[in-house]
C-alpha atoms as a PDB file:
ATOM      1  CA  MET A   1     -17.798   7.999  52.830  1.00  0.00           C
ATOM      2  CA  VAL A   2     -14.452   9.340  53.984  1.00  0.00           C
ATOM      3  CA  LEU A   3     -11.768   6.974  55.224  1.00  0.00           C
ATOM      4  CA  PRO A   4      -9.061   7.891  57.661  1.00  0.00           C
ATOM      5  CA  VAL A   5      -5.688   8.128  55.945  1.00  0.00           C
ATOM      6  CA  LYS A   6      -4.352   5.107  57.832  1.00  0.00           C
ATOM      7  CA  SER A   7      -7.291   2.924  56.723  1.00  0.00           C
ATOM      8  CA  PHE A   8      -6.944   4.111  53.145  1.00  0.00           C
ATOM      9  CA  GLN A   9      -3.213   3.343  53.184  1.00  0.00           C
ATOM     10  CA  THR A  10      -3.871  -0.150  54.583  1.00  0.00           C
ATOM     11  CA  ILE A  11      -6.370  -0.897  51.821  1.00  0.00           C
ATOM     12  CA  LEU A  12      -4.062   0.535  49.160  1.00  0.00           C
ATOM     13  CA  ASN A  13      -1.133  -1.557  50.406  1.00  0.00           C
ATOM     14  CA  ARG A  14      -3.276  -4.689  50.354  1.00  0.00           C
ATOM     15  CA  ILE A  15      -4.422  -4.018  46.775  1.00  0.00           C
ATOM     16  CA  GLU A  16      -0.914  -3.225  45.585  1.00  0.00           C
ATOM     17  CA  GLY A  17       0.392  -6.369  47.254  1.00  0.00           C
ATOM     18  CA  GLU A  18      -1.925  -8.647  45.279  1.00  0.00           C
ATOM     19  CA  SER A  19      -0.125 -10.534  42.530  1.00  0.00           C
ATOM     20  CA  ASP A  20      -2.749  -9.608  39.911  1.00  0.00           C
ATOM     21  CA  MET A  21      -2.157  -5.911  40.512  1.00  0.00           C
ATOM     22  CA  ARG A  22       1.623  -6.406  40.328  1.00  0.00           C
ATOM     23  CA  ASP A  23       1.226  -8.278  37.046  1.00  0.00           C
ATOM     24  CA  ILE A  24      -0.923  -5.477  35.630  1.00  0.00           C
ATOM     25  CA  ARG A  25       1.573  -2.788  36.640  1.00  0.00           C
ATOM     26  CA  GLU A  26       4.501  -4.768  35.239  1.00  0.00           C
ATOM     27  CA  ALA A  27       2.712  -5.498  31.969  1.00  0.00           C
ATOM     28  CA  LYS A  28       1.739  -1.850  31.624  1.00  0.00           C
ATOM     29  CA  SER A  29       5.359  -0.776  31.914  1.00  0.00           C
ATOM     30  CA  GLU A  30       6.554  -3.205  29.229  1.00  0.00           C
ATOM     31  CA  PRO A  31       6.659  -1.883  25.659  1.00  0.00           C
ATOM     32  CA  LEU A  32       3.867  -3.162  23.429  1.00  0.00           C
ATOM     33  CA  TYR A  33       6.233  -3.847  20.553  1.00  0.00           C
ATOM     34  CA  ASP A  34       9.835  -4.879  20.194  1.00  0.00           C
ATOM     35  CA  GLN A  35      11.769  -1.729  19.342  1.00  0.00           C
ATOM     36  CA  ASN A  36      13.135  -3.422  16.205  1.00  0.00           C
ATOM     37  CA  GLU A  37       9.596  -4.142  15.010  1.00  0.00           C
ATOM     38  CA  ALA A  38       8.212  -0.691  15.805  1.00  0.00           C
ATOM     39  CA  GLU A  39       9.168   0.894  12.495  1.00  0.00           C
ATOM     40  CA  ASP A  40       7.594  -1.948  10.511  1.00  0.00           C
ATOM     41  CA  TYR A  41       4.456  -1.561  12.617  1.00  0.00           C
ATOM     42  CA  ILE A  42       4.230   2.192  12.074  1.00  0.00           C
ATOM     43  CA  PHE A  43       4.316   1.776   8.311  1.00  0.00           C
ATOM     44  CA  MET A  44       2.103  -1.319   8.271  1.00  0.00           C
ATOM     45  CA  ASN A  45      -1.027  -1.367   6.147  1.00  0.00           C
ATOM     46  CA  PRO A  46      -3.727   0.322   8.273  1.00  0.00           C
ATOM     47  CA  VAL A  47      -6.281  -2.454   7.756  1.00  0.00           C
ATOM     48  CA  LYS A  48      -3.783  -5.087   8.854  1.00  0.00           C
ATOM     49  CA  ARG A  49      -2.658  -2.974  11.817  1.00  0.00           C
ATOM     50  CA  GLU A  50      -6.229  -2.433  13.043  1.00  0.00           C
ATOM     51  CA  ARG A  51      -7.038  -6.122  12.577  1.00  0.00           C
ATOM     52  CA  LEU A  52      -3.939  -7.279  14.463  1.00  0.00           C
ATOM     53  CA  GLU A  53      -4.542  -4.819  17.315  1.00  0.00           C
ATOM     54  CA  ARG A  54      -7.880  -6.510  17.865  1.00  0.00           C
ATOM     55  CA  GLY A  55      -6.378  -9.998  17.614  1.00  0.00           C
ATOM     56  CA  TRP A  56      -8.557 -10.899  14.636  1.00  0.00           C
ATOM     57  CA  THR A  57      -7.620 -13.227  11.807  1.00  0.00           C
ATOM     58  CA  GLN A  58      -8.312 -12.228   8.226  1.00  0.00           C
ATOM     59  CA  LYS A  59     -11.171 -14.729   8.283  1.00  0.00           C
ATOM     60  CA  GLU A  60     -12.710 -13.094  11.378  1.00  0.00           C
ATOM     61  CA  LEU A  61     -12.525  -9.623   9.829  1.00  0.00           C
ATOM     62  CA  ALA A  62     -14.007 -10.960   6.599  1.00  0.00           C
ATOM     63  CA  HIS A  63     -16.916 -12.507   8.515  1.00  0.00           C
ATOM     64  CA  ARG A  64     -17.586  -9.256  10.409  1.00  0.00           C
ATOM     65  CA  ILE A  65     -17.725  -7.254   7.173  1.00  0.00           C
ATOM     66  CA  GLY A  66     -19.419  -9.894   5.032  1.00  0.00           C
ATOM     67  CA  VAL A  67     -16.662 -10.572   2.504  1.00  0.00           C
ATOM     68  CA  LYS A  68     -14.313 -13.465   1.723  1.00  0.00           C
ATOM     69  CA  GLN A  69     -10.969 -13.896   3.470  1.00  0.00           C
ATOM     70  CA  ALA A  70      -9.244 -13.444   0.097  1.00  0.00           C
ATOM     71  CA  THR A  71     -10.782  -9.967  -0.125  1.00  0.00           C
ATOM     72  CA  VAL A  72      -9.269  -8.997   3.232  1.00  0.00           C
ATOM     73  CA  ALA A  73      -5.902 -10.367   2.067  1.00  0.00           C
ATOM     74  CA  LYS A  74      -6.185  -8.163  -1.033  1.00  0.00           C
ATOM     75  CA  TRP A  75      -6.972  -5.110   1.112  1.00  0.00           C
ATOM     76  CA  GLU A  76      -3.877  -5.765   3.213  1.00  0.00           C
ATOM     77  CA  ARG A  77      -1.495  -5.853   0.254  1.00  0.00           C
ATOM     78  CA  GLU A  78       0.827  -2.943  -0.310  1.00  0.00           C
ATOM     79  CA  GLY A  79      -0.701  -0.240  -2.479  1.00  0.00           C
ATOM     80  CA  ALA A  80      -4.308  -1.358  -1.956  1.00  0.00           C
ATOM     81  CA  VAL A  81      -6.967   1.154  -2.996  1.00  0.00           C
ATOM     82  CA  TYR A  82     -10.249   1.138  -1.085  1.00  0.00           C
ATOM     83  CA  ARG A  83     -13.633   2.121  -2.472  1.00  0.00           C
ATOM     84  CA  LYS A  84     -15.738   4.504  -0.409  1.00  0.00           C
ATOM     85  CA  ALA A  85     -18.161   1.729   0.619  1.00  0.00           C
ATOM     86  CA  THR A  86     -15.217  -0.412   1.732  1.00  0.00           C
ATOM     87  CA  ARG A  87     -13.745   2.436   3.779  1.00  0.00           C
ATOM     88  CA  GLN A  88     -17.120   2.943   5.460  1.00  0.00           C
ATOM     89  CA  LYS A  89     -17.427  -0.768   6.328  1.00  0.00           C
ATOM     90  CA  LEU A  90     -13.898  -0.832   7.726  1.00  0.00           C
ATOM     91  CA  ALA A  91     -14.471   2.310   9.784  1.00  0.00           C
ATOM     92  CA  LYS A  92     -17.657   0.844  11.229  1.00  0.00           C
ATOM     93  CA  VAL A  93     -16.164  -2.540  12.157  1.00  0.00           C
ATOM     94  CA  PHE A  94     -13.044  -0.916  13.652  1.00  0.00           C
ATOM     95  CA  GLY A  95     -15.070   1.769  15.439  1.00  0.00           C
ATOM     96  CA  VAL A  96     -13.214   4.679  13.872  1.00  0.00           C
ATOM     97  CA  SER A  97     -14.352   7.628  11.794  1.00  0.00           C
END
């Protein structure tokens, strides 16, 4: 189906005028992180960063992987070393390779 330009423009204006669409555009243009926090985020423990990006608590991540919350806390400490099986579980739950 091909719309005349005028009809297309009318529809586009109506969509863009809706408050939900304005909110989405405005939110998209806002930075995700406070500039002062960006450096801390970049160097954050990767397990913690991935967990926080998904909005999960340590307890939720632990449940998804089948470990205790204390284990997740240990993984998120500075200098943590991960076994191969742990890395595979984390990659699977986070959907990364």
